[in-house]
């Protein structure tokens, strides 16, 4: 299944991708929920597991993607795997690479890579990942009028190498819990997913002005969360 969280609307390019997924048999939930995104992600993940789904694809409403990218994430059979998303308005990725990483290839020359943290803009999480996080951290089930919640995405403070203590957002907090529970955080750097702003930000915006390339190899700068 796929879950699209949105603030006021879903970008048309995102909706096109969601509609194609539905035509291929995916269940798609479109849900408002940016006021407290950690709470909504936790609630929707709990609801999806309760309804018997074994994998959940998070799709932010400002992501441009094709259905093949979603299906490739699913085919990996990994507990957690994400696309690599360019941030808007800055030459950076919504990701923190491992401390020993020096270069990464994206596009045709890309592949699977492990990272410390990655945003939830286009990420597939399997039931096994949620279950191991809940068990490892003894997360309670909270009864709530809007729907029961297991706080998988509760923000946390963690020691980040090279950055000290950091307040982690809901998506990076989930990655932190995954890694501490022994589950790797993976990227598939071959997938092209656009981040829609004043225009659609993609890999190349991190390295140079607007151009579209089949493959890119990047040097990784050290940074904190």
N, C-alpha and C. Protein backbone atom coordinates (compact mmCIF):
# COMPACT_ATOMS: atom_id res chain seq x y z
N UNK A 1 0.83 -1.19 0.00
CA UNK A 1 0.00 0.00 0.00
C UNK A 1 0.87 1.24 0.00
N UNK A 2 0.28 2.39 -0.37
CA UNK A 2 0.97 3.67 -0.35
C UNK A 2 0.15 4.65 0.47
N UNK A 3 0.83 5.52 1.23
CA UNK A 3 0.17 6.55 2.02
C UNK A 3 0.75 7.89 1.63
N UNK A 4 -0.11 8.80 1.18
CA UNK A 4 0.30 10.15 0.81
C UNK A 4 -0.24 11.13 1.85
N UNK A 5 0.67 11.76 2.60
CA UNK A 5 0.30 12.81 3.54
C UNK A 5 0.39 14.16 2.84
N UNK A 6 -0.60 15.01 3.05
CA UNK A 6 -0.57 16.31 2.39
C UNK A 6 -1.05 17.39 3.35
N UNK A 7 -0.63 18.63 3.07
CA UNK A 7 -1.03 19.77 3.90
C UNK A 7 -2.34 20.35 3.39
N UNK A 8 -2.35 20.89 2.19
CA UNK A 8 -3.58 21.47 1.64
C UNK A 8 -3.98 20.83 0.32
N UNK A 9 -3.01 20.27 -0.42
CA UNK A 9 -3.33 19.62 -1.68
C UNK A 9 -2.18 18.69 -2.07
N UNK A 10 -2.46 17.82 -3.03
CA UNK A 10 -1.46 16.92 -3.60
C UNK A 10 -1.04 17.48 -4.96
N UNK A 11 0.25 17.64 -5.17
CA UNK A 11 0.74 18.14 -6.45
C UNK A 11 0.24 17.23 -7.58
N UNK A 12 -0.17 17.83 -8.71
CA UNK A 12 -0.67 17.01 -9.83
C UNK A 12 0.30 15.91 -10.27
N UNK A 13 1.59 16.20 -10.29
CA UNK A 13 2.56 15.17 -10.70
C UNK A 13 2.58 14.01 -9.72
N UNK A 14 2.41 14.30 -8.43
CA UNK A 14 2.33 13.25 -7.42
C UNK A 14 1.05 12.45 -7.60
N UNK A 15 -0.07 13.15 -7.80
CA UNK A 15 -1.35 12.47 -7.98
C UNK A 15 -1.32 11.54 -9.19
N UNK A 16 -0.64 11.93 -10.25
CA UNK A 16 -0.53 11.05 -11.42
C UNK A 16 0.16 9.73 -11.05
N UNK A 17 1.22 9.83 -10.27
CA UNK A 17 1.91 8.62 -9.83
C UNK A 17 1.04 7.75 -8.95
N UNK A 18 0.31 8.39 -8.03
CA UNK A 18 -0.57 7.64 -7.14
C UNK A 18 -1.68 6.94 -7.93
N UNK A 19 -2.22 7.63 -8.91
CA UNK A 19 -3.30 7.04 -9.72
C UNK A 19 -2.82 5.83 -10.50
N UNK A 20 -1.59 5.90 -11.03
CA UNK A 20 -1.04 4.75 -11.74
C UNK A 20 -0.84 3.58 -10.79
N UNK A 21 -0.36 3.86 -9.58
CA UNK A 21 -0.23 2.78 -8.59
C UNK A 21 -1.58 2.11 -8.35
N UNK A 22 -2.62 2.93 -8.18
CA UNK A 22 -3.96 2.36 -7.96
C UNK A 22 -4.38 1.49 -9.14
N UNK A 23 -4.08 1.93 -10.36
CA UNK A 23 -4.46 1.16 -11.54
C UNK A 23 -3.72 -0.17 -11.59
N UNK A 24 -2.59 -0.27 -10.88
CA UNK A 24 -1.82 -1.51 -10.84
C UNK A 24 -2.13 -2.35 -9.61
N UNK A 25 -3.16 -1.97 -8.87
CA UNK A 25 -3.61 -2.78 -7.75
C UNK A 25 -3.14 -2.35 -6.38
N UNK A 26 -2.39 -1.26 -6.28
CA UNK A 26 -1.98 -0.76 -4.98
C UNK A 26 -3.16 -0.10 -4.27
N UNK A 27 -3.23 -0.27 -2.98
CA UNK A 27 -4.14 0.52 -2.15
C UNK A 27 -3.45 1.83 -1.82
N UNK A 28 -4.12 2.96 -2.06
CA UNK A 28 -3.53 4.27 -1.80
C UNK A 28 -4.41 5.03 -0.83
N UNK A 29 -3.81 5.48 0.26
CA UNK A 29 -4.50 6.38 1.21
C UNK A 29 -3.97 7.78 1.00
N UNK A 30 -4.87 8.73 0.84
CA UNK A 30 -4.52 10.15 0.79
C UNK A 30 -5.04 10.79 2.07
N UNK A 31 -4.15 11.30 2.89
CA UNK A 31 -4.55 11.77 4.20
C UNK A 31 -3.94 13.14 4.53
N UNK A 32 -4.75 14.09 5.02
CA UNK A 32 -4.18 15.35 5.52
C UNK A 32 -3.46 15.07 6.83
N UNK A 33 -2.38 15.83 7.09
CA UNK A 33 -1.72 15.53 8.36
C UNK A 33 -0.39 16.16 8.61
N UNK A 34 -0.16 17.41 8.18
CA UNK A 34 1.14 18.02 8.43
C UNK A 34 1.23 18.78 9.74
N UNK A 35 0.12 18.99 10.46
CA UNK A 35 0.18 19.76 11.70
C UNK A 35 1.07 19.07 12.73
N UNK A 36 0.96 17.75 12.85
CA UNK A 36 1.82 16.96 13.74
C UNK A 36 2.17 15.70 12.96
N UNK A 37 3.15 15.82 12.07
CA UNK A 37 3.40 14.75 11.11
C UNK A 37 3.89 13.48 11.81
N UNK A 38 4.62 13.62 12.92
CA UNK A 38 5.08 12.43 13.64
C UNK A 38 3.89 11.61 14.15
N UNK A 39 2.89 12.30 14.65
CA UNK A 39 1.70 11.63 15.17
C UNK A 39 0.93 10.96 14.04
N UNK A 40 0.79 11.66 12.90
CA UNK A 40 0.03 11.10 11.79
C UNK A 40 0.75 9.92 11.16
N UNK A 41 2.06 10.00 11.02
CA UNK A 41 2.78 8.85 10.48
C UNK A 41 2.62 7.64 11.40
N UNK A 42 2.75 7.87 12.69
CA UNK A 42 2.61 6.77 13.65
C UNK A 42 1.20 6.19 13.62
N UNK A 43 0.20 7.05 13.55
CA UNK A 43 -1.18 6.58 13.55
C UNK A 43 -1.51 5.81 12.28
N UNK A 44 -1.08 6.33 11.14
CA UNK A 44 -1.37 5.67 9.87
C UNK A 44 -0.61 4.36 9.73
N UNK A 45 0.63 4.32 10.21
CA UNK A 45 1.38 3.06 10.19
C UNK A 45 0.69 2.02 11.06
N UNK A 46 0.23 2.44 12.23
CA UNK A 46 -0.50 1.52 13.12
C UNK A 46 -1.76 1.00 12.44
N UNK A 47 -2.51 1.89 11.81
CA UNK A 47 -3.74 1.50 11.13
C UNK A 47 -3.46 0.53 9.97
N UNK A 48 -2.41 0.81 9.20
CA UNK A 48 -2.07 -0.05 8.07
C UNK A 48 -1.70 -1.45 8.53
N UNK A 49 -0.92 -1.54 9.60
CA UNK A 49 -0.55 -2.86 10.13
C UNK A 49 -1.77 -3.58 10.68
N UNK A 50 -2.63 -2.85 11.37
CA UNK A 50 -3.85 -3.46 11.91
C UNK A 50 -4.74 -4.03 10.82
N UNK A 51 -4.71 -3.39 9.64
CA UNK A 51 -5.54 -3.86 8.53
C UNK A 51 -4.88 -4.94 7.69
N UNK A 52 -3.69 -5.38 8.13
CA UNK A 52 -3.06 -6.53 7.50
C UNK A 52 -2.07 -6.23 6.40
N UNK A 53 -1.77 -4.96 6.14
CA UNK A 53 -0.78 -4.65 5.10
C UNK A 53 0.62 -5.01 5.60
N UNK A 54 1.44 -5.53 4.72
CA UNK A 54 2.79 -5.96 5.09
C UNK A 54 3.88 -4.98 4.65
N UNK A 55 3.51 -3.98 3.86
CA UNK A 55 4.48 -2.97 3.45
C UNK A 55 3.76 -1.66 3.23
N UNK A 56 4.42 -0.57 3.61
CA UNK A 56 3.84 0.77 3.51
C UNK A 56 4.83 1.66 2.79
N UNK A 57 4.37 2.28 1.70
CA UNK A 57 5.19 3.25 0.97
C UNK A 57 4.73 4.65 1.35
N UNK A 58 5.62 5.42 2.00
CA UNK A 58 5.33 6.82 2.27
C UNK A 58 5.61 7.63 1.02
N UNK A 59 4.66 8.46 0.62
CA UNK A 59 4.84 9.36 -0.52
C UNK A 59 4.40 10.75 -0.09
N UNK A 60 5.34 11.68 0.04
CA UNK A 60 4.95 13.06 0.35
C UNK A 60 4.25 13.67 -0.86
N UNK A 61 3.35 14.59 -0.60
CA UNK A 61 2.49 15.14 -1.65
C UNK A 61 3.23 16.03 -2.64
N UNK A 62 4.51 16.35 -2.36
CA UNK A 62 5.29 17.18 -3.28
C UNK A 62 6.36 16.37 -4.01
N UNK A 63 6.14 15.06 -4.13
CA UNK A 63 7.08 14.19 -4.83
C UNK A 63 6.54 13.83 -6.21
N UNK A 64 7.39 13.95 -7.23
CA UNK A 64 7.06 13.50 -8.58
C UNK A 64 7.76 12.17 -8.81
N UNK A 65 6.99 11.14 -9.13
CA UNK A 65 7.57 9.81 -9.26
C UNK A 65 6.79 9.00 -10.30
N UNK A 66 7.41 7.91 -10.74
CA UNK A 66 6.68 6.97 -11.59
C UNK A 66 6.43 5.69 -10.81
N UNK A 67 5.44 4.95 -11.24
CA UNK A 67 5.04 3.74 -10.52
C UNK A 67 6.16 2.71 -10.49
N UNK A 68 6.99 2.69 -11.52
CA UNK A 68 8.09 1.72 -11.57
C UNK A 68 9.06 1.93 -10.41
N UNK A 69 9.26 3.18 -9.99
CA UNK A 69 10.15 3.45 -8.85
C UNK A 69 9.58 2.86 -7.57
N UNK A 70 8.28 3.00 -7.38
CA UNK A 70 7.64 2.41 -6.20
C UNK A 70 7.77 0.88 -6.23
N UNK A 71 7.55 0.30 -7.38
CA UNK A 71 7.61 -1.15 -7.48
C UNK A 71 9.02 -1.68 -7.31
N UNK A 72 10.02 -0.90 -7.73
CA UNK A 72 11.39 -1.32 -7.51
C UNK A 72 11.72 -1.34 -6.02
N UNK A 73 11.26 -0.34 -5.28
CA UNK A 73 11.48 -0.37 -3.83
C UNK A 73 10.86 -1.61 -3.23
N UNK A 74 9.65 -1.94 -3.66
CA UNK A 74 8.96 -3.12 -3.14
C UNK A 74 9.70 -4.40 -3.47
N UNK A 75 10.25 -4.48 -4.67
CA UNK A 75 10.92 -5.70 -5.12
C UNK A 75 12.19 -6.01 -4.35
N UNK A 76 12.78 -5.01 -3.69
CA UNK A 76 14.02 -5.25 -2.96
C UNK A 76 13.84 -6.21 -1.79
N UNK A 77 12.64 -6.30 -1.24
CA UNK A 77 12.37 -7.16 -0.08
C UNK A 77 13.21 -6.77 1.14
N UNK A 78 13.60 -5.50 1.22
CA UNK A 78 14.34 -5.00 2.39
C UNK A 78 13.35 -4.47 3.42
N UNK A 79 13.70 -4.53 4.72
CA UNK A 79 12.80 -3.97 5.75
C UNK A 79 12.54 -2.48 5.56
N UNK A 80 13.58 -1.75 5.09
CA UNK A 80 13.44 -0.31 4.86
C UNK A 80 14.32 0.08 3.68
N UNK A 81 13.73 0.78 2.71
CA UNK A 81 14.51 1.28 1.58
C UNK A 81 13.82 2.52 1.03
N UNK A 82 14.63 3.48 0.61
CA UNK A 82 14.12 4.78 0.21
C UNK A 82 14.77 5.23 -1.09
N UNK A 83 14.14 6.17 -1.76
CA UNK A 83 14.80 6.90 -2.83
C UNK A 83 15.63 8.03 -2.23
N UNK A 84 16.54 8.57 -3.03
CA UNK A 84 17.37 9.70 -2.61
C UNK A 84 16.73 10.98 -3.14
N UNK A 85 16.33 11.86 -2.23
CA UNK A 85 15.55 13.05 -2.58
C UNK A 85 16.41 14.30 -2.44
N UNK A 86 16.40 15.15 -3.45
CA UNK A 86 17.06 16.45 -3.35
C UNK A 86 16.20 17.40 -2.52
N UNK A 87 16.84 18.13 -1.61
CA UNK A 87 16.10 19.15 -0.85
C UNK A 87 15.74 20.31 -1.76
N UNK A 88 14.74 21.06 -1.36
CA UNK A 88 14.36 22.26 -2.11
C UNK A 88 15.16 23.46 -1.63
N UNK A 89 15.60 24.28 -2.57
CA UNK A 89 16.22 25.55 -2.22
C UNK A 89 17.63 25.48 -1.72
N UNK A 90 18.26 24.29 -1.73
CA UNK A 90 19.64 24.16 -1.28
C UNK A 90 20.27 22.98 -1.99
N UNK A 91 21.56 23.01 -2.19
CA UNK A 91 22.25 21.91 -2.87
C UNK A 91 22.61 20.84 -1.86
N UNK A 92 21.63 20.02 -1.57
CA UNK A 92 21.79 19.02 -0.52
C UNK A 92 20.74 17.94 -0.73
N UNK A 93 20.94 16.79 -0.09
CA UNK A 93 19.97 15.71 -0.10
C UNK A 93 19.29 15.60 1.26
N UNK A 94 18.07 15.08 1.27
CA UNK A 94 17.33 14.82 2.51
C UNK A 94 17.83 13.52 3.11
N UNK A 95 19.09 13.54 3.54
CA UNK A 95 19.78 12.31 3.89
C UNK A 95 21.05 12.65 4.66
N UNK A 96 21.47 11.76 5.57
CA UNK A 96 22.80 11.85 6.19
C UNK A 96 23.54 10.57 5.85
N UNK A 97 24.65 10.70 5.14
CA UNK A 97 25.41 9.53 4.73
C UNK A 97 26.24 8.99 5.88
N UNK A 98 26.70 7.77 5.76
CA UNK A 98 27.56 7.18 6.78
C UNK A 98 28.88 7.95 6.87
N UNK A 99 29.50 7.92 8.05
CA UNK A 99 30.69 8.72 8.31
C UNK A 99 31.84 8.37 7.38
N UNK A 100 31.92 7.12 6.93
CA UNK A 100 33.05 6.70 6.08
C UNK A 100 32.74 6.81 4.59
N UNK A 101 31.56 7.31 4.23
CA UNK A 101 31.21 7.42 2.82
C UNK A 101 31.92 8.62 2.19
N UNK A 102 32.50 8.42 1.02
CA UNK A 102 33.21 9.49 0.33
C UNK A 102 32.56 9.88 -0.98
N UNK A 103 32.03 8.91 -1.72
CA UNK A 103 31.39 9.19 -2.99
C UNK A 103 30.15 8.31 -3.14
N UNK A 104 29.21 8.80 -3.92
CA UNK A 104 28.02 8.01 -4.20
C UNK A 104 27.58 8.27 -5.64
N UNK A 105 27.19 7.23 -6.34
CA UNK A 105 26.70 7.36 -7.71
C UNK A 105 25.18 7.30 -7.70
N UNK A 106 24.57 8.14 -8.52
CA UNK A 106 23.11 8.13 -8.65
C UNK A 106 22.74 7.99 -10.12
N UNK A 107 21.55 7.52 -10.37
CA UNK A 107 21.12 7.32 -11.73
C UNK A 107 21.53 5.96 -12.25
N UNK A 108 21.87 5.88 -13.55
CA UNK A 108 22.17 4.60 -14.18
C UNK A 108 23.32 3.87 -13.50
N UNK A 109 24.28 4.60 -12.94
CA UNK A 109 25.43 3.98 -12.29
C UNK A 109 25.20 3.74 -10.81
N UNK A 110 24.01 4.06 -10.31
CA UNK A 110 23.72 3.92 -8.89
C UNK A 110 23.34 2.50 -8.50
N UNK A 111 22.88 2.38 -7.26
CA UNK A 111 22.49 1.08 -6.72
C UNK A 111 22.06 1.24 -5.28
N UNK A 112 22.15 0.17 -4.52
CA UNK A 112 21.79 0.21 -3.10
C UNK A 112 22.96 0.73 -2.27
N UNK A 113 22.64 1.57 -1.30
CA UNK A 113 23.66 2.12 -0.40
C UNK A 113 23.05 2.28 0.98
N UNK A 114 23.85 2.01 2.01
CA UNK A 114 23.41 2.22 3.38
C UNK A 114 23.73 3.64 3.82
N UNK A 115 22.82 4.24 4.61
CA UNK A 115 23.01 5.59 5.14
C UNK A 115 22.62 5.60 6.61
N UNK A 116 22.93 6.74 7.27
CA UNK A 116 22.52 6.90 8.66
C UNK A 116 21.05 7.29 8.77
N UNK A 117 20.67 8.32 8.02
CA UNK A 117 19.31 8.84 8.09
C UNK A 117 18.84 9.20 6.69
N UNK A 118 17.53 9.09 6.47
CA UNK A 118 16.95 9.55 5.22
C UNK A 118 15.53 10.00 5.50
N UNK A 119 15.07 11.00 4.75
CA UNK A 119 13.72 11.49 4.92
C UNK A 119 12.69 10.47 4.46
N UNK A 120 11.44 10.72 4.82
CA UNK A 120 10.36 9.78 4.51
C UNK A 120 9.57 10.20 3.27
N UNK A 121 10.16 11.02 2.40
CA UNK A 121 9.42 11.52 1.25
C UNK A 121 9.00 10.46 0.26
N UNK A 122 9.82 9.40 0.13
CA UNK A 122 9.50 8.30 -0.78
C UNK A 122 10.23 7.08 -0.26
N UNK A 123 9.66 6.44 0.76
CA UNK A 123 10.33 5.37 1.48
C UNK A 123 9.37 4.22 1.73
N UNK A 124 9.87 3.01 1.53
CA UNK A 124 9.06 1.81 1.75
C UNK A 124 9.50 1.12 3.04
N UNK A 125 8.54 0.86 3.91
CA UNK A 125 8.80 0.24 5.21
C UNK A 125 7.95 -1.02 5.31
N UNK A 126 8.57 -2.13 5.64
CA UNK A 126 7.85 -3.39 5.78
C UNK A 126 7.44 -3.63 7.24
N UNK A 127 6.46 -4.50 7.39
CA UNK A 127 5.95 -4.84 8.72
C UNK A 127 7.08 -5.24 9.67
N UNK A 128 8.04 -6.02 9.16
CA UNK A 128 9.13 -6.48 10.02
C UNK A 128 9.89 -5.32 10.65
N UNK A 129 10.07 -4.21 9.90
CA UNK A 129 10.78 -3.05 10.44
C UNK A 129 10.00 -2.42 11.57
N UNK A 130 8.70 -2.23 11.38
CA UNK A 130 7.87 -1.67 12.45
C UNK A 130 7.89 -2.57 13.68
N UNK A 131 7.78 -3.86 13.46
CA UNK A 131 7.70 -4.78 14.60
C UNK A 131 8.99 -4.82 15.40
N UNK A 132 10.15 -4.81 14.72
CA UNK A 132 11.40 -4.87 15.47
C UNK A 132 11.63 -3.57 16.24
N UNK A 133 11.21 -2.42 15.67
CA UNK A 133 11.32 -1.15 16.40
C UNK A 133 10.43 -1.15 17.62
N UNK A 134 9.19 -1.61 17.46
CA UNK A 134 8.28 -1.64 18.60
C UNK A 134 8.81 -2.55 19.71
N UNK A 135 9.32 -3.71 19.34
CA UNK A 135 9.82 -4.65 20.35
C UNK A 135 11.09 -4.15 21.02
N UNK A 136 12.03 -3.63 20.22
CA UNK A 136 13.32 -3.20 20.76
C UNK A 136 13.16 -2.05 21.75
N UNK A 137 12.25 -1.12 21.45
CA UNK A 137 12.07 0.07 22.29
C UNK A 137 10.85 -0.03 23.20
N UNK A 138 10.20 -1.19 23.22
CA UNK A 138 9.02 -1.40 24.06
C UNK A 138 8.01 -0.27 23.87
N UNK A 139 7.72 0.06 22.61
CA UNK A 139 6.79 1.16 22.33
C UNK A 139 5.38 0.75 22.72
N UNK A 140 4.68 1.59 23.46
CA UNK A 140 3.32 1.24 23.89
C UNK A 140 2.31 1.46 22.77
N UNK A 141 1.17 0.84 22.92
CA UNK A 141 0.04 1.13 22.04
C UNK A 141 -0.85 2.12 22.77
N UNK A 142 -1.03 3.28 22.17
CA UNK A 142 -1.77 4.37 22.82
C UNK A 142 -3.18 4.42 22.24
N UNK A 143 -4.17 4.37 23.12
CA UNK A 143 -5.56 4.46 22.68
C UNK A 143 -5.90 5.92 22.43
N UNK A 144 -6.45 6.20 21.24
CA UNK A 144 -6.70 7.57 20.85
C UNK A 144 -8.02 7.62 20.07
N UNK A 145 -8.76 8.71 20.24
CA UNK A 145 -10.07 8.81 19.58
C UNK A 145 -9.94 8.84 18.06
N UNK A 146 -8.79 9.31 17.55
CA UNK A 146 -8.59 9.39 16.10
C UNK A 146 -8.05 8.08 15.53
N UNK A 147 -7.74 7.13 16.40
CA UNK A 147 -7.16 5.86 15.96
C UNK A 147 -5.96 5.51 16.82
N UNK A 148 -5.82 4.26 17.19
CA UNK A 148 -4.72 3.84 18.05
C UNK A 148 -3.37 4.21 17.44
N UNK A 149 -2.39 4.44 18.33
CA UNK A 149 -1.07 4.89 17.89
C UNK A 149 0.02 4.07 18.59
N UNK A 150 0.92 3.50 17.80
CA UNK A 150 2.21 3.05 18.30
C UNK A 150 3.20 4.11 17.84
N UNK A 151 3.92 4.77 18.75
CA UNK A 151 4.70 5.96 18.38
C UNK A 151 6.02 5.65 17.67
N UNK A 152 5.92 4.99 16.53
CA UNK A 152 7.12 4.65 15.76
C UNK A 152 7.92 5.89 15.38
N UNK A 153 7.25 7.00 15.13
CA UNK A 153 7.88 8.20 14.58
C UNK A 153 8.02 9.33 15.61
N UNK A 154 7.94 9.00 16.86
CA UNK A 154 8.10 10.01 17.90
C UNK A 154 9.47 10.66 17.79
N UNK A 155 9.55 12.00 17.70
CA UNK A 155 10.86 12.66 17.63
C UNK A 155 11.71 12.34 18.85
N UNK A 156 13.03 12.35 18.66
CA UNK A 156 13.94 12.02 19.75
C UNK A 156 15.21 12.84 19.64
N UNK A 157 15.98 12.84 20.73
CA UNK A 157 17.30 13.47 20.76
C UNK A 157 18.33 12.35 20.73
N UNK A 158 19.32 12.47 19.85
CA UNK A 158 20.32 11.42 19.70
C UNK A 158 21.68 12.04 19.44
N UNK A 159 22.72 11.29 19.79
CA UNK A 159 24.10 11.69 19.51
C UNK A 159 24.42 11.34 18.07
N UNK A 160 24.70 12.35 17.27
CA UNK A 160 25.02 12.15 15.86
C UNK A 160 26.51 12.38 15.65
N UNK A 161 27.24 11.40 15.08
CA UNK A 161 28.68 11.58 14.88
C UNK A 161 29.00 12.86 14.11
N UNK A 162 29.90 13.65 14.69
CA UNK A 162 30.31 14.89 14.04
C UNK A 162 29.42 16.08 14.31
N UNK A 163 28.27 15.84 14.96
CA UNK A 163 27.34 16.93 15.20
C UNK A 163 26.90 17.04 16.66
N UNK A 164 27.22 16.05 17.48
CA UNK A 164 26.81 16.07 18.88
C UNK A 164 25.34 15.71 19.03
N UNK A 165 24.75 16.19 20.13
CA UNK A 165 23.34 15.91 20.38
C UNK A 165 22.48 16.68 19.39
N UNK A 166 21.56 15.99 18.76
CA UNK A 166 20.68 16.61 17.77
C UNK A 166 19.23 16.25 18.06
N UNK A 167 18.35 17.21 17.81
CA UNK A 167 16.92 16.95 17.86
C UNK A 167 16.52 16.42 16.49
N UNK A 168 16.09 15.18 16.44
CA UNK A 168 15.78 14.54 15.18
C UNK A 168 14.29 14.65 14.87
N UNK A 169 13.99 14.97 13.62
CA UNK A 169 12.60 14.96 13.19
C UNK A 169 12.05 13.55 13.15
N UNK A 170 10.79 13.43 12.78
CA UNK A 170 10.12 12.13 12.88
C UNK A 170 10.74 11.07 11.96
N UNK A 171 11.17 11.46 10.77
CA UNK A 171 11.72 10.48 9.84
C UNK A 171 13.12 10.04 10.24
N UNK A 172 13.97 11.00 10.63
CA UNK A 172 15.31 10.64 11.09
C UNK A 172 15.23 9.86 12.41
N UNK A 173 14.26 10.17 13.26
CA UNK A 173 14.09 9.43 14.51
C UNK A 173 13.77 7.97 14.23
N UNK A 174 12.92 7.72 13.23
CA UNK A 174 12.60 6.34 12.89
C UNK A 174 13.85 5.62 12.38
N UNK A 175 14.66 6.30 11.59
CA UNK A 175 15.91 5.69 11.12
C UNK A 175 16.85 5.38 12.29
N UNK A 176 16.91 6.29 13.25
CA UNK A 176 17.75 6.05 14.44
C UNK A 176 17.28 4.81 15.19
N UNK A 177 15.98 4.68 15.34
CA UNK A 177 15.44 3.49 16.03
C UNK A 177 15.73 2.23 15.25
N UNK A 178 15.57 2.31 13.92
CA UNK A 178 15.87 1.15 13.09
C UNK A 178 17.30 0.67 13.30
N UNK A 179 18.25 1.58 13.18
CA UNK A 179 19.65 1.18 13.27
C UNK A 179 19.99 0.64 14.65
N UNK A 180 19.44 1.25 15.70
CA UNK A 180 19.69 0.76 17.05
C UNK A 180 19.06 -0.60 17.29
N UNK A 181 18.02 -0.91 16.52
CA UNK A 181 17.38 -2.22 16.62
C UNK A 181 18.01 -3.24 15.68
N UNK A 182 19.07 -2.83 14.97
CA UNK A 182 19.80 -3.76 14.11
C UNK A 182 19.31 -3.84 12.68
N UNK A 183 18.51 -2.86 12.23
CA UNK A 183 17.98 -2.86 10.87
C UNK A 183 18.69 -1.75 10.08
N UNK A 184 19.23 -2.08 8.92
CA UNK A 184 19.94 -1.10 8.10
C UNK A 184 18.97 -0.18 7.38
N UNK A 185 19.43 1.05 7.15
CA UNK A 185 18.68 2.06 6.39
C UNK A 185 19.28 2.11 4.99
N UNK A 186 18.49 1.73 3.98
CA UNK A 186 18.98 1.61 2.62
C UNK A 186 18.40 2.67 1.70
N UNK A 187 19.21 3.05 0.71
CA UNK A 187 18.77 3.87 -0.42
C UNK A 187 18.91 3.08 -1.70
N UNK A 188 18.02 3.32 -2.65
CA UNK A 188 18.26 2.91 -4.03
C UNK A 188 18.52 4.19 -4.81
N UNK A 189 19.78 4.43 -5.15
CA UNK A 189 20.16 5.71 -5.76
C UNK A 189 19.92 5.72 -7.27
N UNK A 190 19.33 4.66 -7.81
CA UNK A 190 19.00 4.66 -9.24
C UNK A 190 17.67 5.35 -9.52
N UNK A 191 16.84 5.52 -8.51
CA UNK A 191 15.49 6.01 -8.72
C UNK A 191 15.47 7.53 -8.83
N UNK A 192 14.76 8.04 -9.83
CA UNK A 192 14.61 9.48 -9.98
C UNK A 192 13.25 9.88 -9.41
N UNK A 193 13.29 10.62 -8.31
CA UNK A 193 12.08 11.16 -7.69
C UNK A 193 12.27 12.67 -7.57
N UNK A 194 11.38 13.44 -8.13
CA UNK A 194 11.50 14.89 -8.11
C UNK A 194 10.85 15.49 -6.88
N UNK A 195 11.46 16.55 -6.36
CA UNK A 195 10.93 17.28 -5.21
C UNK A 195 10.41 18.61 -5.71
N UNK A 196 9.10 18.77 -5.70
CA UNK A 196 8.46 19.90 -6.35
C UNK A 196 8.45 21.13 -5.45
N UNK A 197 9.00 22.23 -5.96
CA UNK A 197 8.96 23.52 -5.26
C UNK A 197 8.60 24.57 -6.29
N UNK A 198 9.41 25.63 -6.39
CA UNK A 198 9.23 26.59 -7.48
C UNK A 198 9.45 25.88 -8.82
N UNK A 199 10.32 24.86 -8.78
CA UNK A 199 10.37 23.88 -9.86
C UNK A 199 10.69 22.55 -9.19
N UNK A 200 10.86 21.49 -9.97
CA UNK A 200 11.05 20.17 -9.40
C UNK A 200 12.53 19.90 -9.18
N UNK A 201 12.95 19.85 -7.90
CA UNK A 201 14.34 19.63 -7.54
C UNK A 201 14.69 18.16 -7.69
N UNK A 202 15.85 17.88 -8.34
CA UNK A 202 16.31 16.52 -8.52
C UNK A 202 17.81 16.46 -8.25
N UNK A 203 18.42 15.27 -8.50
CA UNK A 203 19.81 15.05 -8.11
C UNK A 203 20.74 16.16 -8.56
N UNK A 204 20.63 16.56 -9.83
CA UNK A 204 21.61 17.47 -10.41
C UNK A 204 21.64 18.83 -9.72
N UNK A 205 20.53 19.21 -9.06
CA UNK A 205 20.48 20.50 -8.38
C UNK A 205 21.44 20.56 -7.19
N UNK A 206 21.91 19.41 -6.73
CA UNK A 206 22.86 19.38 -5.62
C UNK A 206 24.27 19.72 -6.11
N UNK A 207 24.55 19.48 -7.40
CA UNK A 207 25.93 19.65 -7.87
C UNK A 207 26.15 20.81 -8.83
N UNK A 208 25.12 21.21 -9.59
CA UNK A 208 25.32 22.31 -10.52
C UNK A 208 23.97 22.84 -10.98
N UNK A 209 24.03 23.84 -11.84
CA UNK A 209 22.80 24.43 -12.33
C UNK A 209 22.02 23.45 -13.18
N UNK A 210 20.81 23.83 -13.49
CA UNK A 210 19.83 22.96 -14.12
C UNK A 210 20.38 22.23 -15.36
N UNK A 211 20.45 20.92 -15.26
CA UNK A 211 20.81 20.04 -16.38
C UNK A 211 20.33 18.66 -15.98
N UNK A 212 20.10 17.81 -16.92
CA UNK A 212 19.63 16.47 -16.62
C UNK A 212 20.62 15.45 -17.16
N UNK A 213 21.11 14.60 -16.27
CA UNK A 213 22.16 13.65 -16.60
C UNK A 213 21.66 12.23 -16.40
N UNK A 214 22.24 11.28 -17.15
CA UNK A 214 21.88 9.88 -16.98
C UNK A 214 22.51 9.28 -15.74
N UNK A 215 23.64 9.79 -15.32
CA UNK A 215 24.36 9.22 -14.18
C UNK A 215 25.22 10.31 -13.54
N UNK A 216 25.38 10.27 -12.21
CA UNK A 216 26.17 11.26 -11.48
C UNK A 216 26.96 10.55 -10.42
N UNK A 217 28.22 10.94 -10.20
CA UNK A 217 29.01 10.48 -9.05
C UNK A 217 29.37 11.69 -8.22
N UNK A 218 29.08 11.63 -6.91
CA UNK A 218 29.21 12.79 -6.03
C UNK A 218 30.19 12.51 -4.90
N UNK A 219 30.95 13.53 -4.51
CA UNK A 219 31.73 13.47 -3.28
C UNK A 219 30.80 13.84 -2.13
N UNK A 220 30.89 13.12 -1.01
CA UNK A 220 29.98 13.29 0.12
C UNK A 220 30.66 14.17 1.17
N UNK A 221 30.07 15.32 1.47
CA UNK A 221 30.58 16.21 2.50
C UNK A 221 30.09 15.74 3.87
N UNK A 222 30.91 15.91 4.88
CA UNK A 222 30.52 15.52 6.24
C UNK A 222 29.54 16.54 6.80
N UNK A 223 28.53 16.07 7.49
CA UNK A 223 27.56 16.96 8.12
C UNK A 223 26.84 16.22 9.22
N UNK A 224 26.15 16.96 10.06
CA UNK A 224 25.33 16.34 11.09
C UNK A 224 23.93 16.17 10.61
N UNK A 225 23.01 15.91 11.58
CA UNK A 225 21.61 15.71 11.20
C UNK A 225 20.96 17.02 10.88
